Amino acid sequence: MRVKIQYLGLVKTYTHRSQDELNIDEGTELSTLLSKIAASFGKPFNPEIYEPNKKEVKSTFVVMVNGVLMGQLDGVNTKLKNDDNIIIMPLMTGG
């Protein structure tokens, strides 16, 4: 199955691209996809955004699946489906 990943803001600086499309197995968990991305980009993506060993997205970044925050789903254990759209971006703050 295929998923689309969008990198916004500072994440785009780390990946040097704005999006990817990856083939993954049906039912792959978000943590597995994030680990694959972290392995692909290395530092500073890992450990600045996601640490595969801890299965942890840093608190200053947000991951969304089809427009829903991963925390409102099953976190990094969220199972992905064909054509899911994943967005990785810095946490927005106001002042």
PDB file of N, CA and C in Angstrom:
ATOM      1  N   MET A   1       0.843  -1.179   0.000  1.00  0.00           N
ATOM      2  CA  MET A   1       0.000   0.000   0.000  1.00  0.00           C
ATOM      3  C   MET A   1       0.884   1.237   0.000  1.00  0.00           C
ATOM      4  N   ARG A   2       0.292   2.357  -0.349  1.00  0.00           N
ATOM      5  CA  ARG A   2       1.039   3.601  -0.499  1.00  0.00           C
ATOM      6  C   ARG A   2       0.506   4.662   0.463  1.00  0.00           C
ATOM      7  N   VAL A   3       1.440   5.403   1.086  1.00  0.00           N
ATOM      8  CA  VAL A   3       1.064   6.535   1.936  1.00  0.00           C
ATOM      9  C   VAL A   3       1.860   7.758   1.490  1.00  0.00           C
ATOM     10  N   LYS A   4       1.282   8.911   1.744  1.00  0.00           N
ATOM     11  CA  LYS A   4       1.931  10.178   1.401  1.00  0.00           C
ATOM     12  C   LYS A   4       2.360  10.852   2.704  1.00  0.00           C
ATOM     13  N   ILE A   5       3.586  11.348   2.737  1.00  0.00           N
ATOM     14  CA  ILE A   5       4.106  12.043   3.910  1.00  0.00           C
ATOM     15  C   ILE A   5       4.459  13.459   3.501  1.00  0.00           C
ATOM     16  N   GLN A   6       3.963  14.435   4.268  1.00  0.00           N
ATOM     17  CA  GLN A   6       4.292  15.837   4.027  1.00  0.00           C
ATOM     18  C   GLN A   6       5.161  16.338   5.174  1.00  0.00           C
ATOM     19  N   TYR A   7       6.223  17.052   4.834  1.00  0.00           N
ATOM     20  CA  TYR A   7       7.135  17.628   5.813  1.00  0.00           C
ATOM     21  C   TYR A   7       6.950  19.139   5.782  1.00  0.00           C
ATOM     22  N   LEU A   8       6.574  19.718   6.905  1.00  0.00           N
ATOM     23  CA  LEU A   8       6.312  21.157   6.963  1.00  0.00           C
ATOM     24  C   LEU A   8       7.285  21.852   7.912  1.00  0.00           C
ATOM     25  N   GLY A   9       7.539  23.127   7.642  1.00  0.00           N
ATOM     26  CA  GLY A   9       8.348  23.957   8.516  1.00  0.00           C
ATOM     27  C   GLY A   9       9.760  23.433   8.703  1.00  0.00           C
ATOM     28  N   LEU A  10      10.203  23.379   9.942  1.00  0.00           N
ATOM     29  CA  LEU A  10      11.551  22.942  10.295  1.00  0.00           C
ATOM     30  C   LEU A  10      11.823  21.512   9.832  1.00  0.00           C
ATOM     31  N   VAL A  11      10.795  20.682   9.799  1.00  0.00           N
ATOM     32  CA  VAL A  11      10.959  19.299   9.355  1.00  0.00           C
ATOM     33  C   VAL A  11      11.441  19.272   7.910  1.00  0.00           C
ATOM     34  N   LYS A  12      10.898  20.155   7.102  1.00  0.00           N
ATOM     35  CA  LYS A  12      11.297  20.264   5.692  1.00  0.00           C
ATOM     36  C   LYS A  12      12.778  20.630   5.588  1.00  0.00           C
ATOM     37  N   THR A  13      13.271  21.432   6.506  1.00  0.00           N
ATOM     38  CA  THR A  13      14.688  21.793   6.546  1.00  0.00           C
ATOM     39  C   THR A  13      15.544  20.558   6.809  1.00  0.00           C
ATOM     40  N   TYR A  14      15.075  19.676   7.683  1.00  0.00           N
ATOM     41  CA  TYR A  14      15.827  18.461   8.019  1.00  0.00           C
ATOM     42  C   TYR A  14      15.799  17.432   6.896  1.00  0.00           C
ATOM     43  N   THR A  15      14.706  17.356   6.157  1.00  0.00           N
ATOM     44  CA  THR A  15      14.562  16.330   5.122  1.00  0.00           C
ATOM     45  C   THR A  15      14.986  16.811   3.736  1.00  0.00           C
ATOM     46  N   HIS A  16      15.065  18.129   3.572  1.00  0.00           N
ATOM     47  CA  HIS A  16      15.402  18.752   2.279  1.00  0.00           C
ATOM     48  C   HIS A  16      14.385  18.402   1.192  1.00  0.00           C
ATOM     49  N   ARG A  17      13.157  18.139   1.612  1.00  0.00           N
ATOM     50  CA  ARG A  17      12.062  17.905   0.664  1.00  0.00           C
ATOM     51  C   ARG A  17      10.745  18.200   1.365  1.00  0.00           C
ATOM     52  N   SER A  18       9.714  18.411   0.596  1.00  0.00           N
ATOM     53  CA  SER A  18       8.424  18.762   1.181  1.00  0.00           C
ATOM     54  C   SER A  18       7.482  17.570   1.308  1.00  0.00           C
ATOM     55  N   GLN A  19       7.751  16.490   0.555  1.00  0.00           N
ATOM     56  CA  GLN A  19       6.872  15.328   0.661  1.00  0.00           C
ATOM     57  C   GLN A  19       7.542  14.079   0.116  1.00  0.00           C
ATOM     58  N   ASP A  20       6.970  12.954   0.475  1.00  0.00           N
ATOM     59  CA  ASP A  20       7.390  11.640   0.003  1.00  0.00           C
ATOM     60  C   ASP A  20       6.157  10.793  -0.194  1.00  0.00           C
ATOM     61  N   GLU A  21       6.279   9.772  -1.006  1.00  0.00           N
ATOM     62  CA  GLU A  21       5.280   8.716  -1.086  1.00  0.00           C
ATOM     63  C   GLU A  21       6.034   7.416  -0.880  1.00  0.00           C
ATOM     64  N   LEU A  22       5.573   6.613   0.075  1.00  0.00           N
ATOM     65  CA  LEU A  22       6.262   5.366   0.397  1.00  0.00           C
ATOM     66  C   LEU A  22       5.327   4.181   0.275  1.00  0.00           C
ATOM     67  N   ASN A  23       5.900   3.063  -0.115  1.00  0.00           N
ATOM     68  CA  ASN A  23       5.175   1.801  -0.108  1.00  0.00           C
ATOM     69  C   ASN A  23       5.452   1.105   1.215  1.00  0.00           C
ATOM     70  N   ILE A  24       4.399   0.733   1.914  1.00  0.00           N
ATOM     71  CA  ILE A  24       4.529   0.017   3.181  1.00  0.00           C
ATOM     72  C   ILE A  24       3.524  -1.125   3.192  1.00  0.00           C
ATOM     73  N   ASP A  25       3.694  -2.051   4.124  1.00  0.00           N
ATOM     74  CA  ASP A  25       2.770  -3.174   4.247  1.00  0.00           C
ATOM     75  C   ASP A  25       1.456  -2.732   4.863  1.00  0.00           C
ATOM     76  N   GLU A  26       0.381  -3.383   4.454  1.00  0.00           N
ATOM     77  CA  GLU A  26      -0.949  -3.121   5.023  1.00  0.00           C
ATOM     78  C   GLU A  26      -0.892  -3.289   6.544  1.00  0.00           C
ATOM     79  N   GLY A  27      -1.455  -2.339   7.274  1.00  0.00           N
ATOM     80  CA  GLY A  27      -1.509  -2.424   8.733  1.00  0.00           C
ATOM     81  C   GLY A  27      -0.236  -1.989   9.443  1.00  0.00           C
ATOM     82  N   THR A  28       0.712  -1.427   8.701  1.00  0.00           N
ATOM     83  CA  THR A  28       1.940  -0.921   9.309  1.00  0.00           C
ATOM     84  C   THR A  28       1.583   0.137  10.346  1.00  0.00           C
ATOM     85  N   GLU A  29       2.252   0.097  11.491  1.00  0.00           N
ATOM     86  CA  GLU A  29       2.013   1.106  12.521  1.00  0.00           C
ATOM     87  C   GLU A  29       2.799   2.375  12.202  1.00  0.00           C
ATOM     88  N   LEU A  30       2.277   3.497  12.685  1.00  0.00           N
ATOM     89  CA  LEU A  30       2.919   4.793  12.490  1.00  0.00           C
ATOM     90  C   LEU A  30       4.364   4.764  12.991  1.00  0.00           C
ATOM     91  N   SER A  31       4.624   4.093  14.105  1.00  0.00           N
ATOM     92  CA  SER A  31       5.987   4.023  14.650  1.00  0.00           C
ATOM     93  C   SER A  31       6.955   3.394  13.651  1.00  0.00           C
ATOM     94  N   THR A  32       6.508   2.380  12.923  1.00  0.00           N
ATOM     95  CA  THR A  32       7.359   1.720  11.929  1.00  0.00           C
ATOM     96  C   THR A  32       7.666   2.672  10.780  1.00  0.00           C
ATOM     97  N   LEU A  33       6.655   3.406  10.343  1.00  0.00           N
ATOM     98  CA  LEU A  33       6.865   4.390   9.277  1.00  0.00           C
ATOM     99  C   LEU A  33       7.831   5.481   9.744  1.00  0.00           C
ATOM    100  N   LEU A  34       7.643   5.996  10.949  1.00  0.00           N
ATOM    101  CA  LEU A  34       8.525   7.041  11.473  1.00  0.00           C
ATOM    102  C   LEU A  34       9.951   6.526  11.624  1.00  0.00           C
ATOM    103  N   SER A  35      10.111   5.274  12.022  1.00  0.00           N
ATOM    104  CA  SER A  35      11.451   4.677  12.129  1.00  0.00           C
ATOM    105  C   SER A  35      12.112   4.591  10.760  1.00  0.00           C
ATOM    106  N   LYS A  36      11.332   4.239   9.760  1.00  0.00           N
ATOM    107  CA  LYS A  36      11.838   4.152   8.385  1.00  0.00           C
ATOM    108  C   LYS A  36      12.287   5.534   7.903  1.00  0.00           C
ATOM    109  N   ILE A  37      11.491   6.559   8.219  1.00  0.00           N
ATOM    110  CA  ILE A  37      11.838   7.929   7.828  1.00  0.00           C
ATOM    111  C   ILE A  37      13.099   8.370   8.574  1.00  0.00           C
ATOM    112  N   ALA A  38      13.164   8.080   9.871  1.00  0.00           N
ATOM    113  CA  ALA A  38      14.329   8.457  10.680  1.00  0.00           C
ATOM    114  C   ALA A  38      15.596   7.788  10.150  1.00  0.00           C
ATOM    115  N   ALA A  39      15.509   6.528   9.752  1.00  0.00           N
ATOM    116  CA  ALA A  39      16.666   5.818   9.204  1.00  0.00           C
ATOM    117  C   ALA A  39      17.086   6.429   7.865  1.00  0.00           C
ATOM    118  N   SER A  40      16.119   6.859   7.092  1.00  0.00           N
ATOM    119  CA  SER A  40      16.395   7.434   5.782  1.00  0.00           C
ATOM    120  C   SER A  40      17.105   8.778   5.884  1.00  0.00           C
ATOM    121  N   PHE A  41      16.663   9.617   6.816  1.00  0.00           N
ATOM    122  CA  PHE A  41      17.208  10.974   6.910  1.00  0.00           C
ATOM    123  C   PHE A  41      18.297  11.120   7.964  1.00  0.00           C
ATOM    124  N   GLY A  42      18.375  10.198   8.919  1.00  0.00           N
ATOM    125  CA  GLY A  42      19.417  10.276   9.942  1.00  0.00           C
ATOM    126  C   GLY A  42      19.311  11.548  10.759  1.00  0.00           C
ATOM    127  N   LYS A  43      20.472  12.085  11.155  1.00  0.00           N
ATOM    128  CA  LYS A  43      20.477  13.321  11.931  1.00  0.00           C
ATOM    129  C   LYS A  43      20.214  14.471  10.988  1.00  0.00           C
ATOM    130  N   PRO A  44      19.526  15.511  11.386  1.00  0.00           N
ATOM    131  CA  PRO A  44      18.958  15.781  12.699  1.00  0.00           C
ATOM    132  C   PRO A  44      17.529  15.252  12.894  1.00  0.00           C
ATOM    133  N   PHE A  45      16.948  14.592  11.864  1.00  0.00           N
ATOM    134  CA  PHE A  45      15.586  14.064  12.050  1.00  0.00           C
ATOM    135  C   PHE A  45      15.540  13.176  13.286  1.00  0.00           C
ATOM    136  N   ASN A  46      16.510  12.294  13.380  1.00  0.00           N
ATOM    137  CA  ASN A  46      16.665  11.433  14.552  1.00  0.00           C
ATOM    138  C   ASN A  46      17.899  11.942  15.278  1.00  0.00           C
ATOM    139  N   PRO A  47      17.832  12.454  16.440  1.00  0.00           N
ATOM    140  CA  PRO A  47      16.797  12.369  17.462  1.00  0.00           C
ATOM    141  C   PRO A  47      15.957  13.629  17.653  1.00  0.00           C
ATOM    142  N   GLU A  48      16.121  14.642  16.810  1.00  0.00           N
ATOM    143  CA  GLU A  48      15.411  15.913  17.022  1.00  0.00           C
ATOM    144  C   GLU A  48      13.895  15.787  16.912  1.00  0.00           C
ATOM    145  N   ILE A  49      13.403  14.938  15.997  1.00  0.00           N
ATOM    146  CA  ILE A  49      11.962  14.816  15.789  1.00  0.00           C
ATOM    147  C   ILE A  49      11.430  13.499  16.333  1.00  0.00           C
ATOM    148  N   TYR A  50      12.093  12.394  15.993  1.00  0.00           N
ATOM    149  CA  TYR A  50      11.606  11.070  16.380  1.00  0.00           C
ATOM    150  C   TYR A  50      12.767  10.166  16.760  1.00  0.00           C
ATOM    151  N   GLU A  51      12.635   9.507  17.909  1.00  0.00           N
ATOM    152  CA  GLU A  51      13.649   8.554  18.359  1.00  0.00           C
ATOM    153  C   GLU A  51      13.087   7.143  18.249  1.00  0.00           C
ATOM    154  N   PRO A  52      13.531   6.380  17.243  1.00  0.00           N
ATOM    155  CA  PRO A  52      13.002   5.031  17.036  1.00  0.00           C
ATOM    156  C   PRO A  52      13.146   4.111  18.255  1.00  0.00           C
ATOM    157  N   ASN A  53      14.247   4.210  18.968  1.00  0.00           N
ATOM    158  CA  ASN A  53      14.455   3.330  20.127  1.00  0.00           C
ATOM    159  C   ASN A  53      13.419   3.564  21.223  1.00  0.00           C
ATOM    160  N   LYS A  54      12.956   4.790  21.335  1.00  0.00           N
ATOM    161  CA  LYS A  54      11.959   5.131  22.362  1.00  0.00           C
ATOM    162  C   LYS A  54      10.540   5.163  21.809  1.00  0.00           C
ATOM    163  N   LYS A  55      10.416   5.069  20.469  1.00  0.00           N
ATOM    164  CA  LYS A  55       9.120   5.218  19.796  1.00  0.00           C
ATOM    165  C   LYS A  55       8.431   6.496  20.276  1.00  0.00           C
ATOM    166  N   GLU A  56       9.184   7.605  20.166  1.00  0.00           N
ATOM    167  CA  GLU A  56       8.726   8.868  20.745  1.00  0.00           C
ATOM    168  C   GLU A  56       8.900  10.021  19.765  1.00  0.00           C
ATOM    169  N   VAL A  57       7.781  10.726  19.523  1.00  0.00           N
ATOM    170  CA  VAL A  57       7.832  11.977  18.773  1.00  0.00           C
ATOM    171  C   VAL A  57       8.092  13.075  19.797  1.00  0.00           C
ATOM    172  N   LYS A  58       9.077  13.897  19.534  1.00  0.00           N
ATOM    173  CA  LYS A  58       9.423  14.967  20.473  1.00  0.00           C
ATOM    174  C   LYS A  58       8.239  15.915  20.660  1.00  0.00           C
ATOM    175  N   SER A  59       8.142  16.471  21.851  1.00  0.00           N
ATOM    176  CA  SER A  59       6.983  17.297  22.216  1.00  0.00           C
ATOM    177  C   SER A  59       6.875  18.584  21.413  1.00  0.00           C
ATOM    178  N   THR A  60       7.918  18.974  20.715  1.00  0.00           N
ATOM    179  CA  THR A  60       7.879  20.200  19.920  1.00  0.00           C
ATOM    180  C   THR A  60       7.448  19.944  18.470  1.00  0.00           C
ATOM    181  N   PHE A  61       7.048  18.690  18.178  1.00  0.00           N
ATOM    182  CA  PHE A  61       6.592  18.334  16.840  1.00  0.00           C
ATOM    183  C   PHE A  61       5.248  17.626  16.900  1.00  0.00           C
ATOM    184  N   VAL A  62       4.521  17.689  15.795  1.00  0.00           N
ATOM    185  CA  VAL A  62       3.180  17.106  15.691  1.00  0.00           C
ATOM    186  C   VAL A  62       3.159  16.172  14.486  1.00  0.00           C
ATOM    187  N   VAL A  63       2.487  15.029  14.665  1.00  0.00           N
ATOM    188  CA  VAL A  63       2.257  14.111  13.545  1.00  0.00           C
ATOM    189  C   VAL A  63       0.753  13.939  13.401  1.00  0.00           C
ATOM    190  N   MET A  64       0.273  14.103  12.183  1.00  0.00           N
ATOM    191  CA  MET A  64      -1.156  13.956  11.906  1.00  0.00           C
ATOM    192  C   MET A  64      -1.350  12.863  10.856  1.00  0.00           C
ATOM    193  N   VAL A  65      -2.444  12.127  10.995  1.00  0.00           N
ATOM    194  CA  VAL A  65      -2.826  11.123  10.007  1.00  0.00           C
ATOM    195  C   VAL A  65      -4.200  11.530   9.483  1.00  0.00           C
ATOM    196  N   ASN A  66      -4.258  11.857   8.223  1.00  0.00           N
ATOM    197  CA  ASN A  66      -5.499  12.314   7.582  1.00  0.00           C
ATOM    198  C   ASN A  66      -6.130  13.483   8.336  1.00  0.00           C
ATOM    199  N   GLY A  67      -5.282  14.420   8.784  1.00  0.00           N
ATOM    200  CA  GLY A  67      -5.763  15.625   9.442  1.00  0.00           C
ATOM    201  C   GLY A  67      -6.100  15.478  10.913  1.00  0.00           C
ATOM    202  N   VAL A  68      -5.856  14.305  11.492  1.00  0.00           N
ATOM    203  CA  VAL A  68      -6.155  14.063  12.910  1.00  0.00           C
ATOM    204  C   VAL A  68      -4.834  13.850  13.651  1.00  0.00           C
ATOM    205  N   LEU A  69      -4.672  14.560  14.765  1.00  0.00           N
ATOM    206  CA  LEU A  69      -3.454  14.400  15.564  1.00  0.00           C
ATOM    207  C   LEU A  69      -3.310  12.955  16.017  1.00  0.00           C
ATOM    208  N   MET A  70      -2.081  12.433  15.956  1.00  0.00           N
ATOM    209  CA  MET A  70      -1.870  11.038  16.324  1.00  0.00           C
ATOM    210  C   MET A  70      -2.301  10.752  17.754  1.00  0.00           C
ATOM    211  N   GLY A  71      -2.232  11.757  18.631  1.00  0.00           N
ATOM    212  CA  GLY A  71      -2.667  11.596  20.017  1.00  0.00           C
ATOM    213  C   GLY A  71      -4.158  11.359  20.153  1.00  0.00           C
ATOM    214  N   GLN A  72      -4.922  11.784  19.147  1.00  0.00           N
ATOM    215  CA  GLN A  72      -6.363  11.558  19.145  1.00  0.00           C
ATOM    216  C   GLN A  72      -6.698  10.211  18.508  1.00  0.00           C
ATOM    217  N   LEU A  73      -5.681   9.558  17.976  1.00  0.00           N
ATOM    218  CA  LEU A  73      -5.858   8.231  17.404  1.00  0.00           C
ATOM    219  C   LEU A  73      -5.251   7.235  18.391  1.00  0.00           C
ATOM    220  N   ASP A  74      -4.364   6.387  17.922  1.00  0.00           N
ATOM    221  CA  ASP A  74      -3.710   5.410  18.804  1.00  0.00           C
ATOM    222  C   ASP A  74      -2.221   5.717  18.935  1.00  0.00           C
ATOM    223  N   GLY A  75      -1.892   7.022  18.859  1.00  0.00           N
ATOM    224  CA  GLY A  75      -0.500   7.442  18.997  1.00  0.00           C
ATOM    225  C   GLY A  75       0.382   6.807  17.935  1.00  0.00           C
ATOM    226  N   VAL A  76       1.608   6.436  18.336  1.00  0.00           N
ATOM    227  CA  VAL A  76       2.533   5.819  17.387  1.00  0.00           C
ATOM    228  C   VAL A  76       2.106   4.410  17.008  1.00  0.00           C
ATOM    229  N   ASN A  77       1.118   3.872  17.710  1.00  0.00           N
ATOM    230  CA  ASN A  77       0.597   2.537  17.400  1.00  0.00           C
ATOM    231  C   ASN A  77      -0.542   2.579  16.375  1.00  0.00           C
ATOM    232  N   THR A  78      -0.873   3.763  15.871  1.00  0.00           N
ATOM    233  CA  THR A  78      -1.929   3.901  14.871  1.00  0.00           C
ATOM    234  C   THR A  78      -1.595   3.067  13.648  1.00  0.00           C
ATOM    235  N   LYS A  79      -2.519   2.239  13.232  1.00  0.00           N
ATOM    236  CA  LYS A  79      -2.333   1.408  12.043  1.00  0.00           C
ATOM    237  C   LYS A  79      -2.688   2.228  10.803  1.00  0.00           C
ATOM    238  N   LEU A  80      -1.809   2.190   9.825  1.00  0.00           N
ATOM    239  CA  LEU A  80      -1.996   2.979   8.623  1.00  0.00           C
ATOM    240  C   LEU A  80      -2.725   2.178   7.543  1.00  0.00           C
ATOM    241  N   LYS A  81      -3.409   2.934   6.666  1.00  0.00           N
ATOM    242  CA  LYS A  81      -4.171   2.337   5.574  1.00  0.00           C
ATOM    243  C   LYS A  81      -3.698   2.932   4.252  1.00  0.00           C
ATOM    244  N   ASN A  82      -4.035   2.258   3.175  1.00  0.00           N
ATOM    245  CA  ASN A  82      -3.686   2.737   1.847  1.00  0.00           C
ATOM    246  C   ASN A  82      -4.191   4.163   1.633  1.00  0.00           C
ATOM    247  N   ASP A  83      -3.364   4.994   1.033  1.00  0.00           N
ATOM    248  CA  ASP A  83      -3.672   6.388   0.710  1.00  0.00           C
ATOM    249  C   ASP A  83      -3.764   7.309   1.924  1.00  0.00           C
ATOM    250  N   ASP A  84      -3.297   6.873   3.099  1.00  0.00           N
ATOM    251  CA  ASP A  84      -3.265   7.781   4.246  1.00  0.00           C
ATOM    252  C   ASP A  84      -2.311   8.931   3.943  1.00  0.00           C
ATOM    253  N   ASN A  85      -2.621  10.087   4.501  1.00  0.00           N
ATOM    254  CA  ASN A  85      -1.801  11.280   4.369  1.00  0.00           C
ATOM    255  C   ASN A  85      -1.241  11.609   5.739  1.00  0.00           C
ATOM    256  N   ILE A  86       0.075  11.554   5.881  1.00  0.00           N
ATOM    257  CA  ILE A  86       0.738  11.819   7.153  1.00  0.00           C
ATOM    258  C   ILE A  86       1.450  13.163   7.042  1.00  0.00           C
ATOM    259  N   ILE A  87       1.247  14.003   8.028  1.00  0.00           N
ATOM    260  CA  ILE A  87       1.921  15.312   8.076  1.00  0.00           C
ATOM    261  C   ILE A  87       2.800  15.343   9.321  1.00  0.00           C
ATOM    262  N   ILE A  88       4.042  15.742   9.129  1.00  0.00           N
ATOM    263  CA  ILE A  88       4.983  15.913  10.238  1.00  0.00           C
ATOM    264  C   ILE A  88       5.386  17.380  10.230  1.00  0.00           C
ATOM    265  N   MET A  89       5.142  18.069  11.360  1.00  0.00           N
ATOM    266  CA  MET A  89       5.416  19.503  11.398  1.00  0.00           C
ATOM    267  C   MET A  89       5.740  19.948  12.818  1.00  0.00           C
ATOM    268  N   PRO A  90       6.364  21.105  12.956  1.00  0.00           N
ATOM    269  CA  PRO A  90       6.631  21.645  14.286  1.00  0.00           C
ATOM    270  C   PRO A  90       5.325  22.036  14.965  1.00  0.00           C
ATOM    271  N   LEU A  91       5.332  21.974  16.283  1.00  0.00           N
ATOM    272  CA  LEU A  91       4.181  22.409  17.064  1.00  0.00           C
ATOM    273  C   LEU A  91       4.054  23.916  16.919  1.00  0.00           C
ATOM    274  N   MET A  92       2.870  24.370  16.606  1.00  0.00           N
ATOM    275  CA  MET A  92       2.627  25.807  16.453  1.00  0.00           C
ATOM    276  C   MET A  92       2.316  26.405  17.825  1.00  0.00           C
ATOM    277  N   THR A  93       2.896  27.538  18.093  1.00  0.00           N
ATOM    278  CA  THR A  93       2.574  28.230  19.333  1.00  0.00           C
ATOM    279  C   THR A  93       2.257  29.677  19.019  1.00  0.00           C
ATOM    280  N   GLY A  94       1.443  30.255  19.839  1.00  0.00           N
ATOM    281  CA  GLY A  94       1.071  31.657  19.646  1.00  0.00           C
ATOM    282  C   GLY A  94       1.532  32.491  20.831  1.00  0.00           C
ATOM    283  N   GLY A  95       1.376  33.763  20.714  1.00  0.00           N
ATOM    284  CA  GLY A  95       1.848  34.590  21.804  1.00  0.00           C
ATOM    285  C   GLY A  95       1.075  35.862  21.938  1.00  0.00           C
TER     286      GLY A  95
END
